[in-house]
PDB file of N, CA and C in Angstrom:
ATOM      1  N   MET A   1     162.601 211.068 173.212  1.00  0.00           N
ATOM      2  CA  MET A   1     162.239 209.780 172.575  1.00  0.00           C
ATOM      3  C   MET A   1     163.548 209.030 172.294  1.00  0.00           C
ATOM      4  N   SER A   2     163.528 207.774 172.639  1.00  0.00           N
ATOM      5  CA  SER A   2     164.715 206.938 172.457  1.00  0.00           C
ATOM      6  C   SER A   2     164.788 206.567 170.965  1.00  0.00           C
ATOM      7  N   PRO A   3     166.059 206.296 170.501  1.00  0.00           N
ATOM      8  CA  PRO A   3     166.221 205.856 169.134  1.00  0.00           C
ATOM      9  C   PRO A   3     165.476 204.658 168.744  1.00  0.00           C
ATOM     10  N   LYS A   4     165.266 203.731 169.746  1.00  0.00           N
ATOM     11  CA  LYS A   4     164.527 202.504 169.434  1.00  0.00           C
ATOM     12  C   LYS A   4     163.094 202.765 169.237  1.00  0.00           C
ATOM     13  N   LYS A   5     162.467 203.733 170.026  1.00  0.00           N
ATOM     14  CA  LYS A   5     161.058 204.105 169.846  1.00  0.00           C
ATOM     15  C   LYS A   5     160.905 204.882 168.520  1.00  0.00           C
ATOM     16  N   ALA A   6     161.870 205.755 168.177  1.00  0.00           N
ATOM     17  CA  ALA A   6     161.807 206.550 166.984  1.00  0.00           C
ATOM     18  C   ALA A   6     161.831 205.628 165.736  1.00  0.00           C
ATOM     19  N   LEU A   7     162.706 204.653 165.829  1.00  0.00           N
ATOM     20  CA  LEU A   7     162.832 203.654 164.764  1.00  0.00           C
ATOM     21  C   LEU A   7     161.537 202.838 164.642  1.00  0.00           C
ATOM     22  N   LEU A   8     160.944 202.457 165.730  1.00  0.00           N
ATOM     23  CA  LEU A   8     159.711 201.702 165.713  1.00  0.00           C
ATOM     24  C   LEU A   8     158.585 202.583 165.153  1.00  0.00           C
ATOM     25  N   LYS A   9     158.519 203.811 165.473  1.00  0.00           N
ATOM     26  CA  LYS A   9     157.468 204.725 164.984  1.00  0.00           C
ATOM     27  C   LYS A   9     157.665 204.909 163.489  1.00  0.00           C
ATOM     28  N   PHE A  10     158.917 205.131 163.082  1.00  0.00           N
ATOM     29  CA  PHE A  10     159.181 205.271 161.651  1.00  0.00           C
ATOM     30  C   PHE A  10     158.826 203.978 160.891  1.00  0.00           C
ATOM     31  N   SER A  11     159.127 202.821 161.468  1.00  0.00           N
ATOM     32  CA  SER A  11     158.845 201.556 160.828  1.00  0.00           C
ATOM     33  C   SER A  11     157.329 201.381 160.667  1.00  0.00           C
ATOM     34  N   ASN A  12     156.585 201.744 161.710  1.00  0.00           N
ATOM     35  CA  ASN A  12     155.112 201.582 161.625  1.00  0.00           C
ATOM     36  C   ASN A  12     154.519 202.548 160.581  1.00  0.00           C
ATOM     37  N   ALA A  13     155.029 203.790 160.562  1.00  0.00           N
ATOM     38  CA  ALA A  13     154.553 204.764 159.545  1.00  0.00           C
ATOM     39  C   ALA A  13     154.886 204.256 158.159  1.00  0.00           C
ATOM     40  N   LEU A  14     156.062 203.686 157.943  1.00  0.00           N
ATOM     41  CA  LEU A  14     156.456 203.205 156.663  1.00  0.00           C
ATOM     42  C   LEU A  14     155.592 202.002 156.260  1.00  0.00           C
ATOM     43  N   ALA A  15     155.260 201.166 157.235  1.00  0.00           N
ATOM     44  CA  ALA A  15     154.344 199.951 156.983  1.00  0.00           C
ATOM     45  C   ALA A  15     152.992 200.426 156.546  1.00  0.00           C
ATOM     46  N   GLU A  16     152.469 201.509 157.160  1.00  0.00           N
ATOM     47  CA  GLU A  16     151.173 202.023 156.830  1.00  0.00           C
ATOM     48  C   GLU A  16     151.198 202.602 155.411  1.00  0.00           C
ATOM     49  N   GLN A  17     152.316 203.320 155.092  1.00  0.00           N
ATOM     50  CA  GLN A  17     152.385 203.905 153.695  1.00  0.00           C
ATOM     51  C   GLN A  17     152.439 202.723 152.682  1.00  0.00           C
ATOM     52  N   LEU A  18     153.188 201.681 152.983  1.00  0.00           N
ATOM     53  CA  LEU A  18     153.286 200.602 152.061  1.00  0.00           C
ATOM     54  C   LEU A  18     151.923 199.865 151.929  1.00  0.00           C
ATOM     55  N   ASP A  19     151.193 199.741 153.009  1.00  0.00           N
ATOM     56  CA  ASP A  19     149.840 199.116 152.940  1.00  0.00           C
ATOM     57  C   ASP A  19     148.956 199.952 152.080  1.00  0.00           C
ATOM     58  N   LYS A  20     148.928 201.232 152.209  1.00  0.00           N
ATOM     59  CA  LYS A  20     148.085 202.143 151.382  1.00  0.00           C
ATOM     60  C   LYS A  20     148.517 202.067 149.961  1.00  0.00           C
ATOM     61  N   ALA A  21     149.792 202.079 149.713  1.00  0.00           N
ATOM     62  CA  ALA A  21     150.292 201.928 148.311  1.00  0.00           C
ATOM     63  C   ALA A  21     149.913 200.638 147.701  1.00  0.00           C
ATOM     64  N   LEU A  22     149.969 199.552 148.490  1.00  0.00           N
ATOM     65  CA  LEU A  22     149.568 198.247 148.012  1.00  0.00           C
ATOM     66  C   LEU A  22     148.101 198.219 147.679  1.00  0.00           C
ATOM     67  N   GLU A  23     147.258 198.782 148.535  1.00  0.00           N
ATOM     68  CA  GLU A  23     145.828 198.842 148.257  1.00  0.00           C
ATOM     69  C   GLU A  23     145.499 199.620 147.003  1.00  0.00           C
ATOM     70  N   THR A  24     146.254 200.752 146.840  1.00  0.00           N
ATOM     71  CA  THR A  24     146.040 201.610 145.649  1.00  0.00           C
ATOM     72  C   THR A  24     146.419 200.842 144.392  1.00  0.00           C
ATOM     73  N   GLU A  25     147.561 200.151 144.461  1.00  0.00           N
ATOM     74  CA  GLU A  25     148.026 199.385 143.259  1.00  0.00           C
ATOM     75  C   GLU A  25     147.126 198.151 142.963  1.00  0.00           C
ATOM     76  N   GLN A  26     146.537 197.562 143.973  1.00  0.00           N
ATOM     77  CA  GLN A  26     145.731 196.409 143.782  1.00  0.00           C
ATOM     78  C   GLN A  26     144.334 196.771 143.307  1.00  0.00           C
ATOM     79  N   HIS A  27     143.948 198.021 143.445  1.00  0.00           N
ATOM     80  CA  HIS A  27     142.652 198.473 142.967  1.00  0.00           C
ATOM     81  C   HIS A  27     142.588 198.263 141.447  1.00  0.00           C
ATOM     82  N   GLY A  28     141.625 197.596 140.954  1.00  0.00           N
ATOM     83  CA  GLY A  28     141.477 197.301 139.523  1.00  0.00           C
ATOM     84  C   GLY A  28     142.151 196.030 139.140  1.00  0.00           C
ATOM     85  N   ARG A  29     142.791 195.350 140.055  1.00  0.00           N
ATOM     86  CA  ARG A  29     143.508 194.100 139.736  1.00  0.00           C
ATOM     87  C   ARG A  29     142.790 192.899 140.429  1.00  0.00           C
ATOM     88  N   GLU A  30     141.530 193.044 140.698  1.00  0.00           N
ATOM     89  CA  GLU A  30     140.821 192.010 141.360  1.00  0.00           C
ATOM     90  C   GLU A  30     140.672 190.890 140.350  1.00  0.00           C
ATOM     91  N   PRO A  31     140.800 189.647 140.806  1.00  0.00           N
ATOM     92  CA  PRO A  31     140.681 188.455 139.919  1.00  0.00           C
ATOM     93  C   PRO A  31     139.367 188.484 139.200  1.00  0.00           C
ATOM     94  N   SER A  32     139.388 188.316 137.887  1.00  0.00           N
ATOM     95  CA  SER A  32     138.152 188.135 137.104  1.00  0.00           C
ATOM     96  C   SER A  32     138.479 187.414 135.852  1.00  0.00           C
ATOM     97  N   ASP A  33     137.454 186.880 135.227  1.00  0.00           N
ATOM     98  CA  ASP A  33     137.653 186.134 133.988  1.00  0.00           C
ATOM     99  C   ASP A  33     138.262 186.981 132.871  1.00  0.00           C
ATOM    100  N   ASP A  34     137.768 188.269 132.759  1.00  0.00           N
ATOM    101  CA  ASP A  34     138.281 189.185 131.742  1.00  0.00           C
ATOM    102  C   ASP A  34     139.764 189.468 131.964  1.00  0.00           C
ATOM    103  N   ARG A  35     140.121 189.696 133.222  1.00  0.00           N
ATOM    104  CA  ARG A  35     141.536 189.985 133.539  1.00  0.00           C
ATOM    105  C   ARG A  35     142.393 188.797 133.251  1.00  0.00           C
ATOM    106  N   ASP A  36     141.911 187.565 133.603  1.00  0.00           N
ATOM    107  CA  ASP A  36     142.659 186.354 133.398  1.00  0.00           C
ATOM    108  C   ASP A  36     142.831 186.134 131.842  1.00  0.00           C
ATOM    109  N   ALA A  37     141.826 186.404 131.116  1.00  0.00           N
ATOM    110  CA  ALA A  37     141.902 186.249 129.646  1.00  0.00           C
ATOM    111  C   ALA A  37     142.904 187.240 129.043  1.00  0.00           C
ATOM    112  N   LEU A  38     142.832 188.496 129.519  1.00  0.00           N
ATOM    113  CA  LEU A  38     143.780 189.491 129.076  1.00  0.00           C
ATOM    114  C   LEU A  38     145.220 189.148 129.444  1.00  0.00           C
ATOM    115  N   LEU A  39     145.409 188.658 130.629  1.00  0.00           N
ATOM    116  CA  LEU A  39     146.764 188.239 131.090  1.00  0.00           C
ATOM    117  C   LEU A  39     147.281 187.050 130.243  1.00  0.00           C
ATOM    118  N   THR A  40     146.400 186.140 129.879  1.00  0.00           N
ATOM    119  CA  THR A  40     146.774 185.026 129.046  1.00  0.00           C
ATOM    120  C   THR A  40     147.163 185.491 127.643  1.00  0.00           C
ATOM    121  N   GLU A  41     146.331 186.446 127.125  1.00  0.00           N
ATOM    122  CA  GLU A  41     146.601 187.007 125.808  1.00  0.00           C
ATOM    123  C   GLU A  41     147.893 187.757 125.825  1.00  0.00           C
ATOM    124  N   LEU A  42     148.172 188.534 126.871  1.00  0.00           N
ATOM    125  CA  LEU A  42     149.449 189.273 127.016  1.00  0.00           C
ATOM    126  C   LEU A  42     150.638 188.298 127.039  1.00  0.00           C
ATOM    127  N   GLN A  43     150.505 187.168 127.802  1.00  0.00           N
ATOM    128  CA  GLN A  43     151.624 186.202 127.872  1.00  0.00           C
ATOM    129  C   GLN A  43     151.849 185.570 126.488  1.00  0.00           C
ATOM    130  N   GLN A  44     150.815 185.300 125.754  1.00  0.00           N
ATOM    131  CA  GLN A  44     150.944 184.754 124.412  1.00  0.00           C
ATOM    132  C   GLN A  44     151.609 185.731 123.496  1.00  0.00           C
ATOM    133  N   ALA A  45     151.276 186.979 123.625  1.00  0.00           N
ATOM    134  CA  ALA A  45     151.868 188.009 122.777  1.00  0.00           C
ATOM    135  C   ALA A  45     153.356 188.219 123.129  1.00  0.00           C
ATOM    136  N   LEU A  46     153.682 188.152 124.400  1.00  0.00           N
ATOM    137  CA  LEU A  46     155.080 188.258 124.800  1.00  0.00           C
ATOM    138  C   LEU A  46     155.874 187.022 124.333  1.00  0.00           C
ATOM    139  N   ASP A  47     155.277 185.843 124.392  1.00  0.00           N
ATOM    140  CA  ASP A  47     155.954 184.651 123.852  1.00  0.00           C
ATOM    141  C   ASP A  47     156.188 184.717 122.362  1.00  0.00           C
ATOM    142  N   LEU A  48     155.194 185.250 121.613  1.00  0.00           N
ATOM    143  CA  LEU A  48     155.284 185.433 120.163  1.00  0.00           C
ATOM    144  C   LEU A  48     156.430 186.437 119.875  1.00  0.00           C
ATOM    145  N   GLN A  49     156.428 187.559 120.641  1.00  0.00           N
ATOM    146  CA  GLN A  49     157.429 188.551 120.455  1.00  0.00           C
ATOM    147  C   GLN A  49     158.860 188.020 120.656  1.00  0.00           C
ATOM    148  N   LYS A  50     158.982 187.181 121.685  1.00  0.00           N
ATOM    149  CA  LYS A  50     160.285 186.571 121.948  1.00  0.00           C
ATOM    150  C   LYS A  50     160.709 185.683 120.754  1.00  0.00           C
ATOM    151  N   LYS A  51     159.769 184.900 120.309  1.00  0.00           N
ATOM    152  CA  LYS A  51     160.038 183.958 119.186  1.00  0.00           C
ATOM    153  C   LYS A  51     160.419 184.744 117.988  1.00  0.00           C
ATOM    154  N   LEU A  52     159.733 185.830 117.670  1.00  0.00           N
ATOM    155  CA  LEU A  52     160.057 186.655 116.521  1.00  0.00           C
ATOM    156  C   LEU A  52     161.361 187.311 116.638  1.00  0.00           C
ATOM    157  N   LYS A  53     161.709 187.758 117.838  1.00  0.00           N
ATOM    158  CA  LYS A  53     162.993 188.388 118.037  1.00  0.00           C
ATOM    159  C   LYS A  53     164.143 187.375 117.813  1.00  0.00           C
ATOM    160  N   ASP A  54     163.947 186.127 118.296  1.00  0.00           N
ATOM    161  CA  ASP A  54     164.890 185.095 118.103  1.00  0.00           C
ATOM    162  C   ASP A  54     165.029 184.818 116.603  1.00  0.00           C
ATOM    163  N   ASP A  55     163.935 184.713 115.893  1.00  0.00           N
ATOM    164  CA  ASP A  55     163.982 184.505 114.408  1.00  0.00           C
ATOM    165  C   ASP A  55     164.706 185.611 113.740  1.00  0.00           C
ATOM    166  N   LEU A  56     164.424 186.863 114.150  1.00  0.00           N
ATOM    167  CA  LEU A  56     165.046 188.031 113.521  1.00  0.00           C
ATOM    168  C   LEU A  56     166.535 188.004 113.789  1.00  0.00           C
ATOM    169  N   GLN A  57     166.932 187.647 114.999  1.00  0.00           N
ATOM    170  CA  GLN A  57     168.377 187.567 115.283  1.00  0.00           C
ATOM    171  C   GLN A  57     169.029 186.516 114.388  1.00  0.00           C
ATOM    172  N   GLN A  58     168.373 185.406 114.162  1.00  0.00           N
ATOM    173  CA  GLN A  58     168.896 184.388 113.313  1.00  0.00           C
ATOM    174  C   GLN A  58     169.156 184.916 111.903  1.00  0.00           C
ATOM    175  N   TYR A  59     168.157 185.642 111.384  1.00  0.00           N
ATOM    176  CA  TYR A  59     168.277 186.218 110.034  1.00  0.00           C
ATOM    177  C   TYR A  59     169.282 187.370 110.000  1.00  0.00           C
ATOM    178  N   LYS A  60     169.418 188.060 111.096  1.00  0.00           N
ATOM    179  CA  LYS A  60     170.385 189.154 111.157  1.00  0.00           C
ATOM    180  C   LYS A  60     171.798 188.605 110.995  1.00  0.00           C
ATOM    181  N   GLU A  61     172.053 187.422 111.691  1.00  0.00           N
ATOM    182  CA  GLU A  61     173.365 186.920 111.647  1.00  0.00           C
ATOM    183  C   GLU A  61     173.734 186.325 110.262  1.00  0.00           C
ATOM    184  N   SER A  62     172.803 185.746 109.547  1.00  0.00           N
ATOM    185  CA  SER A  62     173.078 185.174 108.262  1.00  0.00           C
ATOM    186  C   SER A  62     172.470 185.959 107.110  1.00  0.00           C
ATOM    187  N   GLY A  63     171.731 186.963 107.409  1.00  0.00           N
ATOM    188  CA  GLY A  63     170.968 187.725 106.429  1.00  0.00           C
ATOM    189  C   GLY A  63     171.797 188.362 105.370  1.00  0.00           C
ATOM    190  N   SER A  64     172.877 189.005 105.695  1.00  0.00           N
ATOM    191  CA  SER A  64     173.662 189.699 104.729  1.00  0.00           C
ATOM    192  C   SER A  64     174.323 188.728 103.734  1.00  0.00           C
ATOM    193  N   VAL A  65     174.798 187.639 104.301  1.00  0.00           N
ATOM    194  CA  VAL A  65     175.393 186.580 103.461  1.00  0.00           C
ATOM    195  C   VAL A  65     174.376 186.027 102.446  1.00  0.00           C
ATOM    196  N   ASN A  66     173.208 185.659 103.001  1.00  0.00           N
ATOM    197  CA  ASN A  66     172.180 185.083 102.163  1.00  0.00           C
ATOM    198  C   ASN A  66     171.710 186.144 101.143  1.00  0.00           C
ATOM    199  N   PHE A  67     171.602 187.370 101.559  1.00  0.00           N
ATOM    200  CA  PHE A  67     171.138 188.385 100.600  1.00  0.00           C
ATOM    201  C   PHE A  67     172.127 188.572  99.457  1.00  0.00           C
ATOM    202  N   GLU A  68     173.397 188.568  99.771  1.00  0.00           N
ATOM    203  CA  GLU A  68     174.406 188.676  98.721  1.00  0.00           C
ATOM    204  C   GLU A  68     174.396 187.532  97.791  1.00  0.00           C
ATOM    205  N   LEU A  69     174.257 186.295  98.343  1.00  0.00           N
ATOM    206  CA  LEU A  69     174.166 185.104  97.550  1.00  0.00           C
ATOM    207  C   LEU A  69     172.915 185.189  96.587  1.00  0.00           C
ATOM    208  N   LYS A  70     171.765 185.621  97.097  1.00  0.00           N
ATOM    209  CA  LYS A  70     170.563 185.734  96.305  1.00  0.00           C
ATOM    210  C   LYS A  70     170.756 186.800  95.252  1.00  0.00           C
ATOM    211  N   GLU A  71     171.402 187.927  95.562  1.00  0.00           N
ATOM    212  CA  GLU A  71     171.644 188.949  94.528  1.00  0.00           C
ATOM    213  C   GLU A  71     172.505 188.408  93.425  1.00  0.00           C
ATOM    214  N   LYS A  72     173.518 187.611  93.732  1.00  0.00           N
ATOM    215  CA  LYS A  72     174.394 187.016  92.718  1.00  0.00           C
ATOM    216  C   LYS A  72     173.603 186.014  91.875  1.00  0.00           C
ATOM    217  N   ALA A  73     172.767 185.234  92.508  1.00  0.00           N
ATOM    218  CA  ALA A  73     171.922 184.233  91.829  1.00  0.00           C
ATOM    219  C   ALA A  73     170.981 184.946  90.879  1.00  0.00           C
ATOM    220  N   VAL A  74     170.375 186.085  91.337  1.00  0.00           N
ATOM    221  CA  VAL A  74     169.487 186.798  90.471  1.00  0.00           C
ATOM    222  C   VAL A  74     170.225 187.374  89.249  1.00  0.00           C
ATOM    223  N   ALA A  75     171.428 187.872  89.451  1.00  0.00           N
ATOM    224  CA  ALA A  75     172.231 188.409  88.339  1.00  0.00           C
ATOM    225  C   ALA A  75     172.526 187.285  87.303  1.00  0.00           C
ATOM    226  N   VAL A  76     172.893 186.110  87.834  1.00  0.00           N
ATOM    227  CA  VAL A  76     173.185 184.978  86.897  1.00  0.00           C
ATOM    228  C   VAL A  76     171.987 184.574  86.130  1.00  0.00           C
ATOM    229  N   ALA A  77     170.847 184.491  86.840  1.00  0.00           N
ATOM    230  CA  ALA A  77     169.558 184.103  86.201  1.00  0.00           C
ATOM    231  C   ALA A  77     169.151 185.167  85.135  1.00  0.00           C
ATOM    232  N   LYS A  78     169.338 186.426  85.443  1.00  0.00           N
ATOM    233  CA  LYS A  78     168.969 187.449  84.533  1.00  0.00           C
ATOM    234  C   LYS A  78     169.772 187.411  83.261  1.00  0.00           C
ATOM    235  N   ASP A  79     171.178 187.157  83.436  1.00  0.00           N
ATOM    236  CA  ASP A  79     172.092 187.025  82.294  1.00  0.00           C
ATOM    237  C   ASP A  79     171.644 185.815  81.463  1.00  0.00           C
ATOM    238  N   ALA A  80     171.267 184.723  82.100  1.00  0.00           N
ATOM    239  CA  ALA A  80     170.826 183.530  81.364  1.00  0.00           C
ATOM    240  C   ALA A  80     169.564 183.818  80.577  1.00  0.00           C
ATOM    241  N   VAL A  81     168.599 184.504  81.210  1.00  0.00           N
ATOM    242  CA  VAL A  81     167.362 184.807  80.464  1.00  0.00           C
ATOM    243  C   VAL A  81     167.621 185.700  79.269  1.00  0.00           C
ATOM    244  N   ASN A  82     168.462 186.711  79.438  1.00  0.00           N
ATOM    245  CA  ASN A  82     168.770 187.587  78.332  1.00  0.00           C
ATOM    246  C   ASN A  82     169.545 186.828  77.259  1.00  0.00           C
ATOM    247  N   ARG A  83     170.420 185.894  77.617  1.00  0.00           N
ATOM    248  CA  ARG A  83     171.192 185.154  76.619  1.00  0.00           C
ATOM    249  C   ARG A  83     170.212 184.302  75.809  1.00  0.00           C
ATOM    250  N   TRP A  84     169.259 183.615  76.463  1.00  0.00           N
ATOM    251  CA  TRP A  84     168.284 182.814  75.736  1.00  0.00           C
ATOM    252  C   TRP A  84     167.378 183.661  74.893  1.00  0.00           C
ATOM    253  N   THR A  85     167.008 184.849  75.379  1.00  0.00           N
ATOM    254  CA  THR A  85     166.187 185.752  74.603  1.00  0.00           C
ATOM    255  C   THR A  85     166.903 186.064  73.283  1.00  0.00           C
ATOM    256  N   GLU A  86     168.179 186.383  73.401  1.00  0.00           N
ATOM    257  CA  GLU A  86     169.016 186.689  72.223  1.00  0.00           C
ATOM    258  C   GLU A  86     169.120 185.488  71.279  1.00  0.00           C
ATOM    259  N   ASN A  87     169.183 184.264  71.861  1.00  0.00           N
ATOM    260  CA  ASN A  87     169.223 183.065  71.053  1.00  0.00           C
ATOM    261  C   ASN A  87     167.905 182.882  70.273  1.00  0.00           C
ATOM    262  N   VAL A  88     166.755 183.154  70.940  1.00  0.00           N
ATOM    263  CA  VAL A  88     165.487 183.060  70.244  1.00  0.00           C
ATOM    264  C   VAL A  88     165.429 184.061  69.090  1.00  0.00           C
ATOM    265  N   TRP A  89     165.910 185.300  69.340  1.00  0.00           N
ATOM    266  CA  TRP A  89     165.919 186.310  68.279  1.00  0.00           C
ATOM    267  C   TRP A  89     166.873 185.893  67.092  1.00  0.00           C
ATOM    268  N   GLY A  90     167.924 185.211  67.485  1.00  0.00           N
ATOM    269  CA  GLY A  90     168.848 184.699  66.416  1.00  0.00           C
ATOM    270  C   GLY A  90     168.171 183.642  65.583  1.00  0.00           C
ATOM    271  N   LEU A  91     167.456 182.726  66.238  1.00  0.00           N
ATOM    272  CA  LEU A  91     166.762 181.700  65.543  1.00  0.00           C
ATOM    273  C   LEU A  91     165.597 182.266  64.684  1.00  0.00           C
ATOM    274  N   GLN A  92     164.970 183.281  65.234  1.00  0.00           N
ATOM    275  CA  GLN A  92     163.927 184.013  64.474  1.00  0.00           C
ATOM    276  C   GLN A  92     164.484 184.628  63.195  1.00  0.00           C
ATOM    277  N   SER A  93     165.626 185.321  63.364  1.00  0.00           N
ATOM    278  CA  SER A  93     166.242 185.925  62.264  1.00  0.00           C
ATOM    279  C   SER A  93     166.682 184.934  61.178  1.00  0.00           C
ATOM    280  N   TYR A  94     167.205 183.799  61.613  1.00  0.00           N
ATOM    281  CA  TYR A  94     167.612 182.676  60.731  1.00  0.00           C
ATOM    282  C   TYR A  94     166.417 182.185  59.955  1.00  0.00           C
ATOM    283  N   CYS A  95     165.305 181.895  60.649  1.00  0.00           N
ATOM    284  CA  CYS A  95     164.141 181.355  60.015  1.00  0.00           C
ATOM    285  C   CYS A  95     163.520 182.338  59.044  1.00  0.00           C
ATOM    286  N   ILE A  96     163.486 183.580  59.403  1.00  0.00           N
ATOM    287  CA  ILE A  96     162.983 184.611  58.472  1.00  0.00           C
ATOM    288  C   ILE A  96     163.828 184.698  57.200  1.00  0.00           C
ATOM    289  N   ASN A  97     165.138 184.684  57.386  1.00  0.00           N
ATOM    290  CA  ASN A  97     165.985 184.810  56.204  1.00  0.00           C
ATOM    291  C   ASN A  97     166.150 183.563  55.402  1.00  0.00           C
ATOM    292  N   LYS A  98     166.171 182.394  56.044  1.00  0.00           N
ATOM    293  CA  LYS A  98     166.348 181.129  55.359  1.00  0.00           C
ATOM    294  C   LYS A  98     165.107 180.602  54.750  1.00  0.00           C
ATOM    295  N   PHE A  99     163.987 180.696  55.496  1.00  0.00           N
ATOM    296  CA  PHE A  99     162.746 180.059  55.017  1.00  0.00           C
ATOM    297  C   PHE A  99     161.677 181.056  54.581  1.00  0.00           C
ATOM    298  N   GLY A 100     162.018 182.309  54.639  1.00  0.00           N
ATOM    299  CA  GLY A 100     161.084 183.382  54.199  1.00  0.00           C
ATOM    300  C   GLY A 100     159.856 183.471  55.093  1.00  0.00           C
ATOM    301  N   MET A 101     159.987 183.175  56.380  1.00  0.00           N
ATOM    302  CA  MET A 101     158.844 183.249  57.256  1.00  0.00           C
ATOM    303  C   MET A 101     158.574 184.734  57.642  1.00  0.00           C
ATOM    304  N   GLU A 102     157.373 185.027  57.958  1.00  0.00           N
ATOM    305  CA  GLU A 102     157.070 186.370  58.503  1.00  0.00           C
ATOM    306  C   GLU A 102     157.327 186.332  59.989  1.00  0.00           C
ATOM    307  N   ARG A 103     157.692 187.473  60.563  1.00  0.00           N
ATOM    308  CA  ARG A 103     158.015 187.531  62.003  1.00  0.00           C
ATOM    309  C   ARG A 103     156.761 187.164  62.851  1.00  0.00           C
ATOM    310  N   GLN A 104     155.584 187.566  62.425  1.00  0.00           N
ATOM    311  CA  GLN A 104     154.393 187.242  63.185  1.00  0.00           C
ATOM    312  C   GLN A 104     154.074 185.758  63.115  1.00  0.00           C
ATOM    313  N   GLN A 105     154.347 185.172  61.952  1.00  0.00           N
ATOM    314  CA  GLN A 105     154.158 183.730  61.839  1.00  0.00           C
ATOM    315  C   GLN A 105     155.105 182.932  62.722  1.00  0.00           C
ATOM    316  N   PHE A 106     156.321 183.400  62.831  1.00  0.00           N
ATOM    317  CA  PHE A 106     157.342 182.703  63.737  1.00  0.00           C
ATOM    318  C   PHE A 106     156.855 182.850  65.149  1.00  0.00           C
ATOM    319  N   ASP A 107     156.481 184.089  65.555  1.00  0.00           N
ATOM    320  CA  ASP A 107     156.021 184.344  66.916  1.00  0.00           C
ATOM    321  C   ASP A 107     154.790 183.499  67.297  1.00  0.00           C
ATOM    322  N   GLN A 108     153.880 183.342  66.301  1.00  0.00           N
ATOM    323  CA  GLN A 108     152.682 182.562  66.527  1.00  0.00           C
ATOM    324  C   GLN A 108     153.052 181.068  66.595  1.00  0.00           C
ATOM    325  N   SER A 109     153.958 180.608  65.775  1.00  0.00           N
ATOM    326  CA  SER A 109     154.295 179.211  65.749  1.00  0.00           C
ATOM    327  C   SER A 109     154.938 178.778  67.080  1.00  0.00           C
ATOM    328  N   PHE A 110     155.703 179.637  67.664  1.00  0.00           N
ATOM    329  CA  PHE A 110     156.421 179.305  68.892  1.00  0.00           C
ATOM    330  C   PHE A 110     155.826 179.943  70.150  1.00  0.00           C
ATOM    331  N   ASN A 111     154.586 180.473  69.983  1.00  0.00           N
ATOM    332  CA  ASN A 111     153.853 181.064  71.126  1.00  0.00           C
ATOM    333  C   ASN A 111     154.698 182.164  71.804  1.00  0.00           C
ATOM    334  N   ILE A 112     155.271 183.013  71.088  1.00  0.00           N
ATOM    335  CA  ILE A 112     156.097 184.108  71.659  1.00  0.00           C
ATOM    336  C   ILE A 112     155.171 185.332  71.791  1.00  0.00           C
ATOM    337  N   ALA A 113     155.054 185.833  72.995  1.00  0.00           N
ATOM    338  CA  ALA A 113     154.183 186.955  73.300  1.00  0.00           C
ATOM    339  C   ALA A 113     154.764 188.226  72.709  1.00  0.00           C
ATOM    340  N   ASP A 114     153.842 189.218  72.588  1.00  0.00           N
ATOM    341  CA  ASP A 114     154.293 190.520  72.012  1.00  0.00           C
ATOM    342  C   ASP A 114     155.271 191.264  72.961  1.00  0.00           C
ATOM    343  N   ASP A 115     155.158 190.971  74.276  1.00  0.00           N
ATOM    344  CA  ASP A 115     156.044 191.629  75.222  1.00  0.00           C
ATOM    345  C   ASP A 115     157.372 190.880  75.447  1.00  0.00           C
ATOM    346  N   PHE A 116     157.704 189.950  74.608  1.00  0.00           N
ATOM    347  CA  PHE A 116     158.966 189.158  74.757  1.00  0.00           C
ATOM    348  C   PHE A 116     160.100 190.067  74.512  1.00  0.00           C
ATOM    349  N   ASP A 117     160.929 190.249  75.533  1.00  0.00           N
ATOM    350  CA  ASP A 117     162.070 191.161  75.388  1.00  0.00           C
ATOM    351  C   ASP A 117     163.108 190.796  76.486  1.00  0.00           C
ATOM    352  N   THR A 118     164.284 191.356  76.372  1.00  0.00           N
ATOM    353  CA  THR A 118     165.323 191.186  77.364  1.00  0.00           C
ATOM    354  C   THR A 118     164.901 191.903  78.665  1.00  0.00           C
ATOM    355  N   LEU A 119     165.520 191.494  79.774  1.00  0.00           N
ATOM    356  CA  LEU A 119     165.305 192.153  81.038  1.00  0.00           C
ATOM    357  C   LEU A 119     166.256 193.306  81.173  1.00  0.00           C
ATOM    358  N   PRO A 120     165.841 194.375  81.738  1.00  0.00           N
ATOM    359  CA  PRO A 120     166.762 195.528  81.923  1.00  0.00           C
ATOM    360  C   PRO A 120     167.776 195.269  83.018  1.00  0.00           C
TER     361      PRO A 120
END
């Protein structure tokens, strides 16, 4: 057998194998409304995934800086809250000592709740 005929025979055999493989792979992929709907849903999910990954990357790049700034802002706010809580207690002590008010009367007059306290 000549090399040309052997190559042709091999090429034909390979083409048959590829045709069989193609038929096997196409089985279950016949066009239908359900398949089209699922493919559309898949594409939407892939688009959403890409958008979310892009958003995540944006937050990754600036996330640590923003997080540190927010932590500092929380610490400043907490200090301010505790400072004003101490100021209210100072005013309460002054009113009790100067005007003879009861602690409950002061709390009721200024709508101070029972759980009014500094933040840990």
